[in-house]
Amino acid sequence: MLLVSAGLRGRLGLEDWKTYLSWHYLQHKPRQTLYVAQPMLRAILPLLLFIAVAASLTVDIGQYASFLFGSIFGPAALLLFLYQFGPAMRKLFLRLDTVAAESLGSMTLLSLFEKIDGLQLPENENAKKRVGWSARLRPEPNITERIINLQRVLAWPI
């Protein structure tokens, strides 16, 4: 299901809508899965390592050692995962944008994002104002981060 901001209605031309819908479709059908998923794999790796150590302790030493290990190091592992989750998801979204830009054309997608940014929609402006933990833990990048990412791709192609 596609949910589009009411602020875009009547403000984008036909070509812009084609680009927007194609971009949205490509967000859900990535071609380079390993390249796109790499940030999430890096965020999940410490959590998987923690689970492996806890399982190994259960087998080798016993259930109580594993329980003690989990109660001591579990909260720290969970906090580390949560700390890395937002930025990893943001990188994943930005990588999806670069993959979509390869299909649609970097300049086409960049001009669409700049046009949407120029509309100064309330949801985009509120997302730009996020700072601190709110900005770090928010997984979806704001429109400015998407524009900067595409400008970087234009300057240094993958």
C-alpha atoms as a PDB file:
ATOM      1  CA  MET A   1       0.000   0.000   0.000  1.00  0.00           C
ATOM      2  CA  LEU A   2       1.288   3.427  -0.900  1.00  0.00           C
ATOM      3  CA  LEU A   3       0.548   6.321   1.410  1.00  0.00           C
ATOM      4  CA  VAL A   4       1.319   9.696  -0.150  1.00  0.00           C
ATOM      5  CA  SER A   5       1.385  13.012   1.671  1.00  0.00           C
ATOM      6  CA  ALA A   6      -1.635  15.176   0.974  1.00  0.00           C
ATOM      7  CA  GLY A   7       0.775  18.075   0.514  1.00  0.00           C
ATOM      8  CA  LEU A   8       2.057  16.527  -2.723  1.00  0.00           C
ATOM      9  CA  ARG A   9      -1.391  16.416  -4.305  1.00  0.00           C
ATOM     10  CA  GLY A  10      -1.603  18.881  -7.167  1.00  0.00           C
ATOM     11  CA  ARG A  11       1.970  20.102  -6.675  1.00  0.00           C
ATOM     12  CA  LEU A  12       3.889  17.541  -8.723  1.00  0.00           C
ATOM     13  CA  GLY A  13       3.798  17.151 -12.480  1.00  0.00           C
ATOM     14  CA  LEU A  14       3.143  13.913 -14.333  1.00  0.00           C
ATOM     15  CA  GLU A  15       6.857  13.126 -14.799  1.00  0.00           C
ATOM     16  CA  ASP A  16       7.494  13.811 -11.116  1.00  0.00           C
ATOM     17  CA  TRP A  17       4.716  11.397 -10.138  1.00  0.00           C
ATOM     18  CA  LYS A  18       6.170   8.744 -12.451  1.00  0.00           C
ATOM     19  CA  THR A  19       9.575   9.191 -10.834  1.00  0.00           C
ATOM     20  CA  TYR A  20       8.074   9.182  -7.327  1.00  0.00           C
ATOM     21  CA  LEU A  21       6.067   6.005  -7.908  1.00  0.00           C
ATOM     22  CA  SER A  22       9.014   4.272  -9.594  1.00  0.00           C
ATOM     23  CA  TRP A  23      11.256   5.268  -6.674  1.00  0.00           C
ATOM     24  CA  HIS A  24       8.698   3.923  -4.206  1.00  0.00           C
ATOM     25  CA  TYR A  25       8.451   0.643  -6.145  1.00  0.00           C
ATOM     26  CA  LEU A  26      12.239   0.281  -6.250  1.00  0.00           C
ATOM     27  CA  GLN A  27      12.402   0.859  -2.484  1.00  0.00           C
ATOM     28  CA  HIS A  28      10.563  -2.447  -2.059  1.00  0.00           C
ATOM     29  CA  LYS A  29      12.316  -4.360  -4.853  1.00  0.00           C
ATOM     30  CA  PRO A  30      16.061  -3.838  -4.366  1.00  0.00           C
ATOM     31  CA  ARG A  31      18.400  -5.488  -6.846  1.00  0.00           C
ATOM     32  CA  GLN A  32      21.640  -5.448  -4.880  1.00  0.00           C
ATOM     33  CA  THR A  33      20.431  -7.134  -1.710  1.00  0.00           C
ATOM     34  CA  LEU A  34      23.804  -7.721  -0.038  1.00  0.00           C
ATOM     35  CA  TYR A  35      24.991  -4.167  -0.717  1.00  0.00           C
ATOM     36  CA  VAL A  36      21.745  -2.732   0.637  1.00  0.00           C
ATOM     37  CA  ALA A  37      21.553  -4.982   3.718  1.00  0.00           C
ATOM     38  CA  GLN A  38      25.181  -4.556   4.820  1.00  0.00           C
ATOM     39  CA  PRO A  39      24.488  -1.805   7.429  1.00  0.00           C
ATOM     40  CA  MET A  40      21.782  -3.923   9.084  1.00  0.00           C
ATOM     41  CA  LEU A  41      24.038  -6.975   9.130  1.00  0.00           C
ATOM     42  CA  ARG A  42      26.708  -4.928  10.908  1.00  0.00           C
ATOM     43  CA  ALA A  43      24.170  -3.769  13.511  1.00  0.00           C
ATOM     44  CA  ILE A  44      22.849  -7.281  14.134  1.00  0.00           C
ATOM     45  CA  LEU A  45      26.273  -8.948  14.328  1.00  0.00           C
ATOM     46  CA  PRO A  46      27.002  -8.055  18.019  1.00  0.00           C
ATOM     47  CA  LEU A  47      23.562  -9.315  19.033  1.00  0.00           C
ATOM     48  CA  LEU A  48      24.101 -12.585  17.165  1.00  0.00           C
ATOM     49  CA  LEU A  49      27.512 -12.957  18.783  1.00  0.00           C
ATOM     50  CA  PHE A  50      25.939 -12.465  22.210  1.00  0.00           C
ATOM     51  CA  ILE A  51      23.316 -15.149  21.476  1.00  0.00           C
ATOM     52  CA  ALA A  52      26.018 -17.551  20.268  1.00  0.00           C
ATOM     53  CA  VAL A  53      28.088 -17.064  23.438  1.00  0.00           C
ATOM     54  CA  ALA A  54      25.020 -17.553  25.644  1.00  0.00           C
ATOM     55  CA  ALA A  55      24.096 -20.752  23.785  1.00  0.00           C
ATOM     56  CA  SER A  56      27.669 -22.006  24.037  1.00  0.00           C
ATOM     57  CA  LEU A  57      27.686 -21.361  27.791  1.00  0.00           C
ATOM     58  CA  THR A  58      24.441 -23.294  28.149  1.00  0.00           C
ATOM     59  CA  VAL A  59      25.912 -26.311  26.383  1.00  0.00           C
ATOM     60  CA  ASP A  60      29.406 -26.184  27.915  1.00  0.00           C
ATOM     61  CA  ILE A  61      28.892 -24.991  31.493  1.00  0.00           C
ATOM     62  CA  GLY A  62      25.197 -25.141  32.165  1.00  0.00           C
ATOM     63  CA  GLN A  63      21.977 -23.222  32.180  1.00  0.00           C
ATOM     64  CA  TYR A  64      22.798 -21.142  35.266  1.00  0.00           C
ATOM     65  CA  ALA A  65      26.051 -19.817  33.775  1.00  0.00           C
ATOM     66  CA  SER A  66      24.176 -18.830  30.635  1.00  0.00           C
ATOM     67  CA  PHE A  67      21.475 -17.141  32.723  1.00  0.00           C
ATOM     68  CA  LEU A  68      24.119 -15.245  34.714  1.00  0.00           C
ATOM     69  CA  PHE A  69      25.898 -14.206  31.498  1.00  0.00           C
ATOM     70  CA  GLY A  70      22.594 -13.044  30.006  1.00  0.00           C
ATOM     71  CA  SER A  71      21.570 -11.055  33.045  1.00  0.00           C
ATOM     72  CA  ILE A  72      24.943  -9.301  33.262  1.00  0.00           C
ATOM     73  CA  PHE A  73      25.709  -8.644  29.590  1.00  0.00           C
ATOM     74  CA  GLY A  74      22.208  -8.840  28.070  1.00  0.00           C
ATOM     75  CA  PRO A  75      21.109  -5.278  28.813  1.00  0.00           C
ATOM     76  CA  ALA A  76      24.397  -3.894  27.461  1.00  0.00           C
ATOM     77  CA  ALA A  77      24.066  -5.953  24.267  1.00  0.00           C
ATOM     78  CA  LEU A  78      20.485  -4.803  23.819  1.00  0.00           C
ATOM     79  CA  LEU A  79      21.415  -1.142  24.348  1.00  0.00           C
ATOM     80  CA  LEU A  80      24.273  -1.479  21.858  1.00  0.00           C
ATOM     81  CA  PHE A  81      21.885  -2.959  19.311  1.00  0.00           C
ATOM     82  CA  LEU A  82      19.315  -0.201  19.832  1.00  0.00           C
ATOM     83  CA  TYR A  83      22.063   2.428  19.588  1.00  0.00           C
ATOM     84  CA  GLN A  84      23.172   1.025  16.217  1.00  0.00           C
ATOM     85  CA  PHE A  85      19.719   0.201  14.832  1.00  0.00           C
ATOM     86  CA  GLY A  86      18.572   3.709  13.816  1.00  0.00           C
ATOM     87  CA  PRO A  87      21.741   4.692  11.931  1.00  0.00           C
ATOM     88  CA  ALA A  88      21.924   1.253  10.294  1.00  0.00           C
ATOM     89  CA  MET A  89      18.354   1.532   9.047  1.00  0.00           C
ATOM     90  CA  ARG A  90      19.034   5.078   7.834  1.00  0.00           C
ATOM     91  CA  LYS A  91      22.035   3.801   5.842  1.00  0.00           C
ATOM     92  CA  LEU A  92      19.849   1.028   4.453  1.00  0.00           C
ATOM     93  CA  PHE A  93      17.268   3.568   3.221  1.00  0.00           C
ATOM     94  CA  LEU A  94      20.008   5.741   1.717  1.00  0.00           C
ATOM     95  CA  ARG A  95      21.519   2.735  -0.053  1.00  0.00           C
ATOM     96  CA  LEU A  96      18.085   1.913  -1.435  1.00  0.00           C
ATOM     97  CA  ASP A  97      17.986   5.461  -2.797  1.00  0.00           C
ATOM     98  CA  THR A  98      21.339   4.985  -4.548  1.00  0.00           C
ATOM     99  CA  VAL A  99      20.174   1.703  -6.084  1.00  0.00           C
ATOM    100  CA  ALA A 100      16.959   3.386  -7.236  1.00  0.00           C
ATOM    101  CA  ALA A 101      18.985   6.298  -8.632  1.00  0.00           C
ATOM    102  CA  GLU A 102      20.911   3.860 -10.823  1.00  0.00           C
ATOM    103  CA  SER A 103      17.634   2.801 -12.464  1.00  0.00           C
ATOM    104  CA  LEU A 104      15.850   6.143 -12.578  1.00  0.00           C
ATOM    105  CA  GLY A 105      18.828   8.399 -13.107  1.00  0.00           C
ATOM    106  CA  SER A 106      20.530  10.245 -10.289  1.00  0.00           C
ATOM    107  CA  MET A 107      19.654  13.697 -11.608  1.00  0.00           C
ATOM    108  CA  THR A 108      15.988  12.782 -12.062  1.00  0.00           C
ATOM    109  CA  LEU A 109      15.632  11.504  -8.512  1.00  0.00           C
ATOM    110  CA  LEU A 110      17.704  14.369  -7.102  1.00  0.00           C
ATOM    111  CA  SER A 111      15.527  16.967  -8.842  1.00  0.00           C
ATOM    112  CA  LEU A 112      12.397  15.250  -7.483  1.00  0.00           C
ATOM    113  CA  PHE A 113      13.762  15.297  -3.929  1.00  0.00           C
ATOM    114  CA  GLU A 114      14.776  18.952  -4.292  1.00  0.00           C
ATOM    115  CA  LYS A 115      11.317  19.815  -5.612  1.00  0.00           C
ATOM    116  CA  ILE A 116       9.661  18.023  -2.659  1.00  0.00           C
ATOM    117  CA  ASP A 117      12.047  19.793  -0.286  1.00  0.00           C
ATOM    118  CA  GLY A 118      11.158  23.120  -1.884  1.00  0.00           C
ATOM    119  CA  LEU A 119       7.469  22.528  -1.111  1.00  0.00           C
ATOM    120  CA  GLN A 120       8.329  22.807   2.613  1.00  0.00           C
ATOM    121  CA  LEU A 121       5.793  20.203   3.685  1.00  0.00           C
ATOM    122  CA  PRO A 122       5.212  20.158   7.461  1.00  0.00           C
ATOM    123  CA  GLU A 123       6.315  16.536   7.883  1.00  0.00           C
ATOM    124  CA  ASN A 124       9.587  17.241   6.062  1.00  0.00           C
ATOM    125  CA  GLU A 125      10.260  20.406   8.034  1.00  0.00           C
ATOM    126  CA  ASN A 126       9.563  18.623  11.348  1.00  0.00           C
ATOM    127  CA  ALA A 127      11.926  15.790  10.366  1.00  0.00           C
ATOM    128  CA  LYS A 128      14.688  18.322   9.651  1.00  0.00           C
ATOM    129  CA  LYS A 129      14.341  19.793  13.151  1.00  0.00           C
ATOM    130  CA  ARG A 130      15.006  16.502  14.958  1.00  0.00           C
ATOM    131  CA  VAL A 131      18.223  16.511  16.970  1.00  0.00           C
ATOM    132  CA  GLY A 132      19.888  14.310  19.579  1.00  0.00           C
ATOM    133  CA  TRP A 133      18.482  10.888  20.412  1.00  0.00           C
ATOM    134  CA  SER A 134      15.313  11.541  18.458  1.00  0.00           C
ATOM    135  CA  ALA A 135      17.322  12.056  15.283  1.00  0.00           C
ATOM    136  CA  ARG A 136      19.717   9.167  15.998  1.00  0.00           C
ATOM    137  CA  LEU A 137      17.071   6.549  16.696  1.00  0.00           C
ATOM    138  CA  ARG A 138      14.751   7.620  13.874  1.00  0.00           C
ATOM    139  CA  PRO A 139      15.350   5.036  11.136  1.00  0.00           C
ATOM    140  CA  GLU A 140      14.086   6.931   8.102  1.00  0.00           C
ATOM    141  CA  PRO A 141      16.309   9.697   6.722  1.00  0.00           C
ATOM    142  CA  ASN A 142      14.845  13.140   6.202  1.00  0.00           C
ATOM    143  CA  ILE A 143      14.670  14.736   2.770  1.00  0.00           C
ATOM    144  CA  THR A 144      17.872  16.742   3.324  1.00  0.00           C
ATOM    145  CA  GLU A 145      19.852  13.570   4.102  1.00  0.00           C
ATOM    146  CA  ARG A 146      18.436  11.952   0.961  1.00  0.00           C
ATOM    147  CA  ILE A 147      19.475  14.962  -1.156  1.00  0.00           C
ATOM    148  CA  ILE A 148      22.986  15.009   0.321  1.00  0.00           C
ATOM    149  CA  ASN A 149      23.289  11.263  -0.304  1.00  0.00           C
ATOM    150  CA  LEU A 150      22.331  11.620  -3.983  1.00  0.00           C
ATOM    151  CA  GLN A 151      24.670  14.593  -4.415  1.00  0.00           C
ATOM    152  CA  ARG A 152      27.456  12.445  -2.984  1.00  0.00           C
ATOM    153  CA  VAL A 153      26.570   9.668  -5.426  1.00  0.00           C
ATOM    154  CA  LEU A 154      26.692  12.148  -8.322  1.00  0.00           C
ATOM    155  CA  ALA A 155      30.102  13.389  -7.179  1.00  0.00           C
ATOM    156  CA  TRP A 156      31.539   9.904  -6.510  1.00  0.00           C
ATOM    157  CA  PRO A 157      29.661   7.156  -8.331  1.00  0.00           C
ATOM    158  CA  ILE A 158      29.626   3.735  -6.711  1.00  0.00           C
END
